[in-house]
Amino acid sequence: MNLPLIDKTKFTFQYLTNYATYLLSNRLEEFVTVSIRFCREVDLPMLKPLSKFSEKELVNLSMESNRLMLEAIAKNSIAEYIEDNTKKWISNKLEVIDKNEILAEDLTLAFFIRRKTFAHFLDSYTKNVVLQKFIIAETDVYTTQEELISYKTYLGLHK
């Protein structure tokens, strides 16, 4: 399967970069634990194959993956990060899960959780409602574009 075309121009952000830097520097562990809590609240199917990990191991794995994601957003290099992860998925080189254990439902819920987690910390970052709206808009662009790439990849893998 070929890598879906990634339009890197859709992943250049003005406001999300500073917010990602804030999360990375000040709230990473909390960002991870809240995200895991949201995963459990929606009963993310991907949690089943990950149940082989202890809570501490799951948090540590999530810390690393979220750190890399937030660093990529902060550096405006999230397109490259997505491209690398997509290549790993296609070649079944994901570190903790087999590519066949990922369900379509996981994709929709994972990006819902990502948006919800970003929104959860927004008020601690800024009380400026206009800035919050810009960050939410850029988060929506980012997650929607990554979700589209993920669905194209998923469909390609299941043909």
N, C-alpha and C. Protein backbone atom coordinates (compact mmCIF):
# COMPACT_ATOMS: atom_id res chain seq x y z
N MET A 1 0.84 -1.19 0.00
CA MET A 1 0.00 0.00 0.00
C MET A 1 0.88 1.24 0.00
N ASN A 2 0.46 2.23 -0.78
CA ASN A 2 1.19 3.50 -0.84
C ASN A 2 0.71 4.45 0.26
N LEU A 3 1.61 5.31 0.65
CA LEU A 3 1.29 6.33 1.65
C LEU A 3 0.30 7.33 1.06
N PRO A 4 -0.78 7.65 1.78
CA PRO A 4 -1.70 8.67 1.28
C PRO A 4 -0.98 10.01 1.13
N LEU A 5 -1.38 10.76 0.14
CA LEU A 5 -0.78 12.07 -0.10
C LEU A 5 -1.10 13.00 1.08
N ILE A 6 -0.06 13.62 1.62
CA ILE A 6 -0.22 14.54 2.76
C ILE A 6 0.11 15.94 2.27
N ASP A 7 -0.89 16.81 2.31
CA ASP A 7 -0.70 18.21 1.92
C ASP A 7 -0.15 18.97 3.12
N LYS A 8 1.17 19.14 3.13
CA LYS A 8 1.84 19.74 4.29
C LYS A 8 1.44 21.19 4.52
N THR A 9 0.90 21.85 3.50
CA THR A 9 0.47 23.24 3.68
C THR A 9 -0.72 23.35 4.63
N LYS A 10 -1.44 22.25 4.82
CA LYS A 10 -2.60 22.27 5.73
C LYS A 10 -2.19 22.09 7.18
N PHE A 11 -0.89 21.94 7.42
CA PHE A 11 -0.40 21.68 8.77
C PHE A 11 0.56 22.76 9.27
N THR A 12 0.36 23.99 8.82
CA THR A 12 1.15 25.11 9.30
C THR A 12 0.24 25.97 10.16
N PHE A 13 0.61 26.10 11.44
CA PHE A 13 -0.27 26.76 12.39
C PHE A 13 0.38 28.00 13.00
N GLN A 14 -0.47 28.92 13.36
CA GLN A 14 0.00 30.16 13.96
C GLN A 14 -0.19 30.16 15.48
N TYR A 15 -1.27 29.58 15.97
CA TYR A 15 -1.62 29.65 17.39
C TYR A 15 -1.43 28.33 18.12
N LEU A 16 -1.65 27.24 17.42
CA LEU A 16 -1.56 25.92 18.03
C LEU A 16 -0.13 25.58 18.46
N THR A 17 0.85 26.15 17.79
CA THR A 17 2.25 25.87 18.12
C THR A 17 2.60 26.31 19.55
N ASN A 18 2.22 27.53 19.92
CA ASN A 18 2.52 28.02 21.27
C ASN A 18 1.73 27.25 22.33
N TYR A 19 0.51 26.88 21.99
CA TYR A 19 -0.30 26.10 22.92
C TYR A 19 0.33 24.72 23.14
N ALA A 20 0.81 24.10 22.08
CA ALA A 20 1.48 22.81 22.20
C ALA A 20 2.74 22.93 23.05
N THR A 21 3.47 24.02 22.88
CA THR A 21 4.66 24.26 23.69
C THR A 21 4.29 24.37 25.17
N TYR A 22 3.21 25.08 25.45
CA TYR A 22 2.72 25.21 26.83
C TYR A 22 2.37 23.84 27.41
N LEU A 23 1.62 23.05 26.65
CA LEU A 23 1.22 21.72 27.13
C LEU A 23 2.44 20.85 27.38
N LEU A 24 3.36 20.89 26.47
CA LEU A 24 4.59 20.10 26.57
C LEU A 24 5.41 20.50 27.80
N SER A 25 5.53 21.77 28.04
CA SER A 25 6.36 22.27 29.13
C SER A 25 5.69 22.22 30.49
N ASN A 26 4.38 22.33 30.53
CA ASN A 26 3.68 22.52 31.80
C ASN A 26 2.65 21.46 32.17
N ARG A 27 2.12 20.74 31.18
CA ARG A 27 0.98 19.88 31.48
C ARG A 27 1.07 18.49 30.86
N LEU A 28 2.24 18.06 30.43
CA LEU A 28 2.34 16.81 29.67
C LEU A 28 1.75 15.61 30.40
N GLU A 29 2.17 15.38 31.62
CA GLU A 29 1.67 14.21 32.34
C GLU A 29 0.16 14.30 32.56
N GLU A 30 -0.32 15.46 32.91
CA GLU A 30 -1.76 15.64 33.10
C GLU A 30 -2.49 15.48 31.77
N PHE A 31 -1.92 15.99 30.68
CA PHE A 31 -2.49 15.83 29.34
C PHE A 31 -2.66 14.34 29.03
N VAL A 32 -1.66 13.55 29.36
CA VAL A 32 -1.70 12.11 29.11
C VAL A 32 -2.74 11.43 29.97
N THR A 33 -2.77 11.72 31.25
CA THR A 33 -3.71 11.03 32.13
C THR A 33 -5.16 11.41 31.82
N VAL A 34 -5.39 12.66 31.45
CA VAL A 34 -6.74 13.08 31.06
C VAL A 34 -7.13 12.39 29.76
N SER A 35 -6.22 12.30 28.83
CA SER A 35 -6.48 11.63 27.56
C SER A 35 -6.83 10.15 27.78
N ILE A 36 -6.09 9.48 28.63
CA ILE A 36 -6.38 8.07 28.95
C ILE A 36 -7.75 7.96 29.60
N ARG A 37 -8.06 8.88 30.50
CA ARG A 37 -9.39 8.88 31.14
C ARG A 37 -10.49 9.03 30.09
N PHE A 38 -10.30 9.95 29.13
CA PHE A 38 -11.29 10.14 28.06
C PHE A 38 -11.40 8.88 27.20
N CYS A 39 -10.28 8.19 26.98
CA CYS A 39 -10.31 6.93 26.21
C CYS A 39 -11.19 5.90 26.91
N ARG A 40 -11.05 5.83 28.22
CA ARG A 40 -11.85 4.87 28.99
C ARG A 40 -13.33 5.27 29.01
N GLU A 41 -13.59 6.57 29.10
CA GLU A 41 -14.98 7.04 29.13
C GLU A 41 -15.75 6.68 27.87
N VAL A 42 -15.06 6.68 26.72
CA VAL A 42 -15.75 6.35 25.46
C VAL A 42 -15.52 4.89 25.07
N ASP A 43 -14.84 4.13 25.93
CA ASP A 43 -14.55 2.72 25.70
C ASP A 43 -13.85 2.50 24.36
N LEU A 44 -12.75 3.21 24.18
CA LEU A 44 -11.95 3.10 22.97
C LEU A 44 -11.56 1.64 22.75
N PRO A 45 -11.96 1.04 21.61
CA PRO A 45 -11.65 -0.37 21.37
C PRO A 45 -10.15 -0.69 21.45
N MET A 46 -9.30 0.26 21.05
CA MET A 46 -7.86 0.05 21.07
C MET A 46 -7.32 -0.22 22.48
N LEU A 47 -8.09 0.12 23.49
CA LEU A 47 -7.65 -0.14 24.86
C LEU A 47 -7.55 -1.63 25.15
N LYS A 48 -8.36 -2.44 24.46
CA LYS A 48 -8.33 -3.89 24.72
C LYS A 48 -6.96 -4.49 24.43
N PRO A 49 -6.39 -4.30 23.23
CA PRO A 49 -5.06 -4.86 23.02
C PRO A 49 -3.98 -4.19 23.87
N LEU A 50 -4.24 -3.00 24.34
CA LEU A 50 -3.26 -2.30 25.19
C LEU A 50 -3.40 -2.71 26.66
N SER A 51 -4.40 -3.52 26.97
CA SER A 51 -4.63 -3.92 28.37
C SER A 51 -3.50 -4.80 28.91
N LYS A 52 -2.63 -5.28 28.01
CA LYS A 52 -1.47 -6.07 28.46
C LYS A 52 -0.46 -5.23 29.23
N PHE A 53 -0.59 -3.90 29.13
CA PHE A 53 0.31 -2.99 29.83
C PHE A 53 -0.30 -2.58 31.16
N SER A 54 0.57 -2.42 32.15
CA SER A 54 0.10 -1.89 33.43
C SER A 54 -0.27 -0.42 33.23
N GLU A 55 -0.94 0.14 34.21
CA GLU A 55 -1.31 1.56 34.12
C GLU A 55 -0.06 2.44 33.97
N LYS A 56 0.96 2.13 34.75
CA LYS A 56 2.20 2.90 34.69
C LYS A 56 2.84 2.78 33.31
N GLU A 57 2.87 1.58 32.74
CA GLU A 57 3.45 1.38 31.41
C GLU A 57 2.64 2.13 30.35
N LEU A 58 1.32 2.08 30.48
CA LEU A 58 0.45 2.78 29.53
C LEU A 58 0.69 4.29 29.59
N VAL A 59 0.81 4.83 30.79
CA VAL A 59 1.09 6.26 30.95
C VAL A 59 2.46 6.59 30.34
N ASN A 60 3.46 5.76 30.60
CA ASN A 60 4.80 6.02 30.07
C ASN A 60 4.81 5.97 28.54
N LEU A 61 4.16 4.97 27.96
CA LEU A 61 4.07 4.89 26.51
C LEU A 61 3.35 6.11 25.94
N SER A 62 2.27 6.49 26.59
CA SER A 62 1.49 7.65 26.14
C SER A 62 2.27 8.94 26.32
N MET A 63 3.07 9.01 27.37
CA MET A 63 3.89 10.20 27.59
C MET A 63 4.83 10.40 26.41
N GLU A 64 5.47 9.33 25.99
CA GLU A 64 6.42 9.42 24.89
C GLU A 64 5.72 9.81 23.59
N SER A 65 4.63 9.15 23.26
CA SER A 65 3.94 9.44 21.99
C SER A 65 3.33 10.85 22.00
N ASN A 66 2.78 11.26 23.13
CA ASN A 66 2.21 12.61 23.22
C ASN A 66 3.30 13.68 23.22
N ARG A 67 4.43 13.39 23.84
CA ARG A 67 5.55 14.32 23.81
C ARG A 67 6.00 14.55 22.37
N LEU A 68 6.14 13.47 21.62
CA LEU A 68 6.56 13.59 20.22
C LEU A 68 5.54 14.35 19.38
N MET A 69 4.26 14.07 19.61
CA MET A 69 3.20 14.78 18.87
C MET A 69 3.22 16.27 19.20
N LEU A 70 3.29 16.61 20.49
CA LEU A 70 3.28 18.02 20.89
C LEU A 70 4.54 18.74 20.41
N GLU A 71 5.68 18.07 20.44
CA GLU A 71 6.90 18.68 19.91
C GLU A 71 6.76 18.98 18.42
N ALA A 72 6.16 18.04 17.70
CA ALA A 72 5.97 18.24 16.25
C ALA A 72 5.02 19.40 15.98
N ILE A 73 3.96 19.51 16.75
CA ILE A 73 3.04 20.64 16.59
C ILE A 73 3.76 21.95 16.92
N ALA A 74 4.51 21.93 18.01
CA ALA A 74 5.22 23.15 18.45
C ALA A 74 6.22 23.62 17.39
N LYS A 75 6.81 22.67 16.68
CA LYS A 75 7.81 23.01 15.65
C LYS A 75 7.20 23.17 14.26
N ASN A 76 5.87 23.08 14.19
CA ASN A 76 5.16 23.13 12.91
C ASN A 76 5.67 22.04 11.95
N SER A 77 6.00 20.88 12.53
CA SER A 77 6.44 19.74 11.72
C SER A 77 5.52 18.54 11.90
N ILE A 78 4.26 18.82 12.23
CA ILE A 78 3.31 17.74 12.49
C ILE A 78 3.04 16.92 11.23
N ALA A 79 3.12 17.51 10.05
CA ALA A 79 2.90 16.74 8.81
C ALA A 79 3.93 15.62 8.70
N GLU A 80 5.19 15.92 9.01
CA GLU A 80 6.24 14.91 8.96
C GLU A 80 6.01 13.83 10.02
N TYR A 81 5.57 14.24 11.19
CA TYR A 81 5.25 13.29 12.26
C TYR A 81 4.14 12.34 11.81
N ILE A 82 3.10 12.88 11.21
CA ILE A 82 1.99 12.06 10.72
C ILE A 82 2.48 11.12 9.62
N GLU A 83 3.31 11.64 8.73
CA GLU A 83 3.86 10.83 7.65
C GLU A 83 4.68 9.66 8.21
N ASP A 84 5.52 9.92 9.18
CA ASP A 84 6.32 8.86 9.80
C ASP A 84 5.44 7.82 10.48
N ASN A 85 4.45 8.28 11.23
CA ASN A 85 3.54 7.34 11.91
C ASN A 85 2.74 6.52 10.91
N THR A 86 2.32 7.15 9.83
CA THR A 86 1.55 6.43 8.81
C THR A 86 2.42 5.36 8.15
N LYS A 87 3.67 5.67 7.87
CA LYS A 87 4.61 4.68 7.31
C LYS A 87 4.78 3.50 8.27
N LYS A 88 4.91 3.80 9.56
CA LYS A 88 5.04 2.74 10.56
C LYS A 88 3.79 1.87 10.59
N TRP A 89 2.63 2.49 10.48
CA TRP A 89 1.36 1.76 10.50
C TRP A 89 1.27 0.84 9.29
N ILE A 90 1.56 1.37 8.11
CA ILE A 90 1.48 0.60 6.87
C ILE A 90 2.44 -0.60 6.93
N SER A 91 3.63 -0.39 7.45
CA SER A 91 4.62 -1.46 7.50
C SER A 91 4.52 -2.29 8.79
N ASN A 92 3.49 -2.05 9.57
CA ASN A 92 3.22 -2.76 10.82
C ASN A 92 4.41 -2.66 11.79
N LYS A 93 4.94 -1.46 11.90
CA LYS A 93 6.05 -1.23 12.82
C LYS A 93 5.64 -0.30 13.96
N LEU A 94 4.35 -0.33 14.30
CA LEU A 94 3.91 0.42 15.47
C LEU A 94 4.46 -0.28 16.70
N GLU A 95 4.89 0.47 17.65
CA GLU A 95 5.61 -0.11 18.77
C GLU A 95 4.74 -0.96 19.70
N VAL A 96 3.49 -0.62 19.86
CA VAL A 96 2.71 -1.28 20.91
C VAL A 96 1.45 -2.00 20.43
N ILE A 97 1.14 -1.89 19.15
CA ILE A 97 -0.11 -2.48 18.67
C ILE A 97 0.09 -2.96 17.24
N ASP A 98 -0.57 -4.06 16.91
CA ASP A 98 -0.53 -4.57 15.55
C ASP A 98 -1.50 -3.76 14.69
N LYS A 99 -1.11 -3.52 13.43
CA LYS A 99 -1.96 -2.68 12.57
C LYS A 99 -3.37 -3.23 12.42
N ASN A 100 -3.53 -4.54 12.53
CA ASN A 100 -4.85 -5.15 12.37
C ASN A 100 -5.73 -5.02 13.62
N GLU A 101 -5.15 -4.54 14.71
CA GLU A 101 -5.92 -4.35 15.94
C GLU A 101 -6.60 -2.97 15.97
N ILE A 102 -6.30 -2.14 14.99
CA ILE A 102 -6.90 -0.81 14.93
C ILE A 102 -8.19 -0.89 14.13
N LEU A 103 -9.28 -0.47 14.76
CA LEU A 103 -10.60 -0.50 14.13
C LEU A 103 -10.98 0.90 13.64
N ALA A 104 -11.91 0.94 12.70
CA ALA A 104 -12.39 2.23 12.19
C ALA A 104 -12.91 3.09 13.34
N GLU A 105 -13.58 2.47 14.28
CA GLU A 105 -14.13 3.19 15.43
C GLU A 105 -13.01 3.87 16.24
N ASP A 106 -11.85 3.20 16.31
CA ASP A 106 -10.71 3.78 17.02
C ASP A 106 -10.31 5.13 16.42
N LEU A 107 -10.33 5.21 15.10
CA LEU A 107 -9.91 6.45 14.44
C LEU A 107 -10.82 7.61 14.82
N THR A 108 -12.12 7.42 14.66
CA THR A 108 -13.06 8.49 14.99
C THR A 108 -12.95 8.88 16.45
N LEU A 109 -12.93 7.90 17.33
CA LEU A 109 -12.88 8.19 18.76
C LEU A 109 -11.54 8.80 19.17
N ALA A 110 -10.44 8.34 18.57
CA ALA A 110 -9.13 8.87 18.93
C ALA A 110 -9.03 10.36 18.62
N PHE A 111 -9.56 10.78 17.47
CA PHE A 111 -9.47 12.20 17.13
C PHE A 111 -10.48 13.03 17.92
N PHE A 112 -11.60 12.43 18.27
CA PHE A 112 -12.55 13.09 19.18
C PHE A 112 -11.86 13.33 20.53
N ILE A 113 -11.18 12.30 21.02
CA ILE A 113 -10.47 12.40 22.31
C ILE A 113 -9.36 13.44 22.22
N ARG A 114 -8.65 13.46 21.11
CA ARG A 114 -7.56 14.44 20.96
C ARG A 114 -8.12 15.86 21.03
N ARG A 115 -9.23 16.12 20.30
CA ARG A 115 -9.84 17.47 20.34
C ARG A 115 -10.32 17.80 21.75
N LYS A 116 -10.94 16.83 22.40
CA LYS A 116 -11.47 17.03 23.74
C LYS A 116 -10.35 17.30 24.75
N THR A 117 -9.24 16.61 24.61
CA THR A 117 -8.11 16.80 25.51
C THR A 117 -7.47 18.17 25.30
N PHE A 118 -7.29 18.56 24.03
CA PHE A 118 -6.76 19.90 23.76
C PHE A 118 -7.69 20.97 24.36
N ALA A 119 -8.98 20.79 24.19
CA ALA A 119 -9.95 21.77 24.71
C ALA A 119 -9.93 21.82 26.24
N HIS A 120 -9.69 20.68 26.87
CA HIS A 120 -9.71 20.58 28.33
C HIS A 120 -8.73 21.54 29.01
N PHE A 121 -7.58 21.76 28.40
CA PHE A 121 -6.53 22.57 29.01
C PHE A 121 -6.50 24.01 28.51
N LEU A 122 -7.37 24.32 27.59
CA LEU A 122 -7.32 25.62 26.94
C LEU A 122 -7.50 26.78 27.91
N ASP A 123 -8.41 26.66 28.84
CA ASP A 123 -8.68 27.75 29.78
C ASP A 123 -7.50 28.00 30.72
N SER A 124 -6.72 26.94 30.99
CA SER A 124 -5.53 27.15 31.84
C SER A 124 -4.41 27.84 31.06
N TYR A 125 -4.48 27.77 29.73
CA TYR A 125 -3.48 28.41 28.88
C TYR A 125 -3.79 29.88 28.67
N THR A 126 -5.07 30.18 28.39
CA THR A 126 -5.46 31.57 28.14
C THR A 126 -6.94 31.76 28.46
N LYS A 127 -7.23 32.94 28.96
CA LYS A 127 -8.63 33.33 29.19
C LYS A 127 -9.15 34.15 28.01
N ASN A 128 -8.28 34.46 27.08
CA ASN A 128 -8.63 35.25 25.91
C ASN A 128 -9.51 34.40 24.98
N VAL A 129 -10.79 34.72 24.91
CA VAL A 129 -11.75 33.93 24.15
C VAL A 129 -11.44 33.93 22.65
N VAL A 130 -10.96 35.03 22.15
CA VAL A 130 -10.61 35.10 20.72
C VAL A 130 -9.45 34.15 20.43
N LEU A 131 -8.43 34.17 21.27
CA LEU A 131 -7.29 33.27 21.09
C LEU A 131 -7.74 31.81 21.23
N GLN A 132 -8.61 31.54 22.18
CA GLN A 132 -9.14 30.18 22.33
C GLN A 132 -9.84 29.72 21.06
N LYS A 133 -10.61 30.60 20.43
CA LYS A 133 -11.30 30.24 19.19
C LYS A 133 -10.32 29.94 18.07
N PHE A 134 -9.24 30.71 17.98
CA PHE A 134 -8.21 30.45 16.96
C PHE A 134 -7.55 29.09 17.20
N ILE A 135 -7.26 28.79 18.45
CA ILE A 135 -6.62 27.51 18.80
C ILE A 135 -7.57 26.36 18.50
N ILE A 136 -8.83 26.50 18.86
CA ILE A 136 -9.82 25.46 18.57
C ILE A 136 -9.94 25.24 17.07
N ALA A 137 -9.96 26.32 16.31
CA ALA A 137 -10.06 26.20 14.85
C ALA A 137 -8.84 25.47 14.28
N GLU A 138 -7.65 25.81 14.76
CA GLU A 138 -6.45 25.13 14.26
C GLU A 138 -6.39 23.68 14.73
N THR A 139 -6.87 23.40 15.93
CA THR A 139 -6.95 22.02 16.41
C THR A 139 -7.89 21.21 15.52
N ASP A 140 -9.01 21.81 15.14
CA ASP A 140 -9.96 21.13 14.25
C ASP A 140 -9.34 20.84 12.89
N VAL A 141 -8.60 21.81 12.34
CA VAL A 141 -7.93 21.59 11.05
C VAL A 141 -6.93 20.44 11.18
N TYR A 142 -6.10 20.50 12.20
CA TYR A 142 -5.09 19.47 12.41
C TYR A 142 -5.72 18.08 12.56
N THR A 143 -6.67 17.95 13.48
CA THR A 143 -7.23 16.62 13.75
C THR A 143 -8.05 16.10 12.57
N THR A 144 -8.75 16.99 11.88
CA THR A 144 -9.54 16.56 10.72
C THR A 144 -8.63 16.07 9.60
N GLN A 145 -7.56 16.80 9.34
CA GLN A 145 -6.63 16.39 8.29
C GLN A 145 -5.96 15.06 8.65
N GLU A 146 -5.55 14.91 9.90
CA GLU A 146 -4.93 13.64 10.30
C GLU A 146 -5.94 12.50 10.26
N GLU A 147 -7.17 12.79 10.62
CA GLU A 147 -8.22 11.76 10.57
C GLU A 147 -8.46 11.31 9.13
N LEU A 148 -8.49 12.25 8.19
CA LEU A 148 -8.67 11.89 6.78
C LEU A 148 -7.54 10.99 6.29
N ILE A 149 -6.32 11.35 6.64
CA ILE A 149 -5.15 10.54 6.26
C ILE A 149 -5.26 9.14 6.89
N SER A 150 -5.67 9.10 8.14
CA SER A 150 -5.81 7.82 8.85
C SER A 150 -6.88 6.94 8.20
N TYR A 151 -7.99 7.53 7.81
CA TYR A 151 -9.04 6.75 7.16
C TYR A 151 -8.60 6.22 5.80
N LYS A 152 -7.87 7.05 5.03
CA LYS A 152 -7.36 6.59 3.75
C LYS A 152 -6.40 5.43 3.95
N THR A 153 -5.57 5.53 4.98
CA THR A 153 -4.62 4.47 5.29
C THR A 153 -5.38 3.21 5.71
N TYR A 154 -6.35 3.38 6.59
CA TYR A 154 -7.14 2.25 7.09
C TYR A 154 -7.82 1.51 5.94
N LEU A 155 -8.45 2.28 5.06
CA LEU A 155 -9.14 1.67 3.93
C LEU A 155 -8.17 0.96 3.00
N GLY A 156 -7.01 1.57 2.77
CA GLY A 156 -5.98 0.95 1.95
C GLY A 156 -5.47 -0.36 2.54
N LEU A 157 -5.31 -0.39 3.84
CA LEU A 157 -4.82 -1.60 4.50
C LEU A 157 -5.85 -2.73 4.48
N HIS A 158 -7.13 -2.39 4.40
CA HIS A 158 -8.18 -3.39 4.46
C HIS A 158 -8.77 -3.74 3.09
N LYS A 159 -8.10 -3.29 2.03
CA LYS A 159 -8.56 -3.67 0.68
C LYS A 159 -8.11 -5.06 0.35
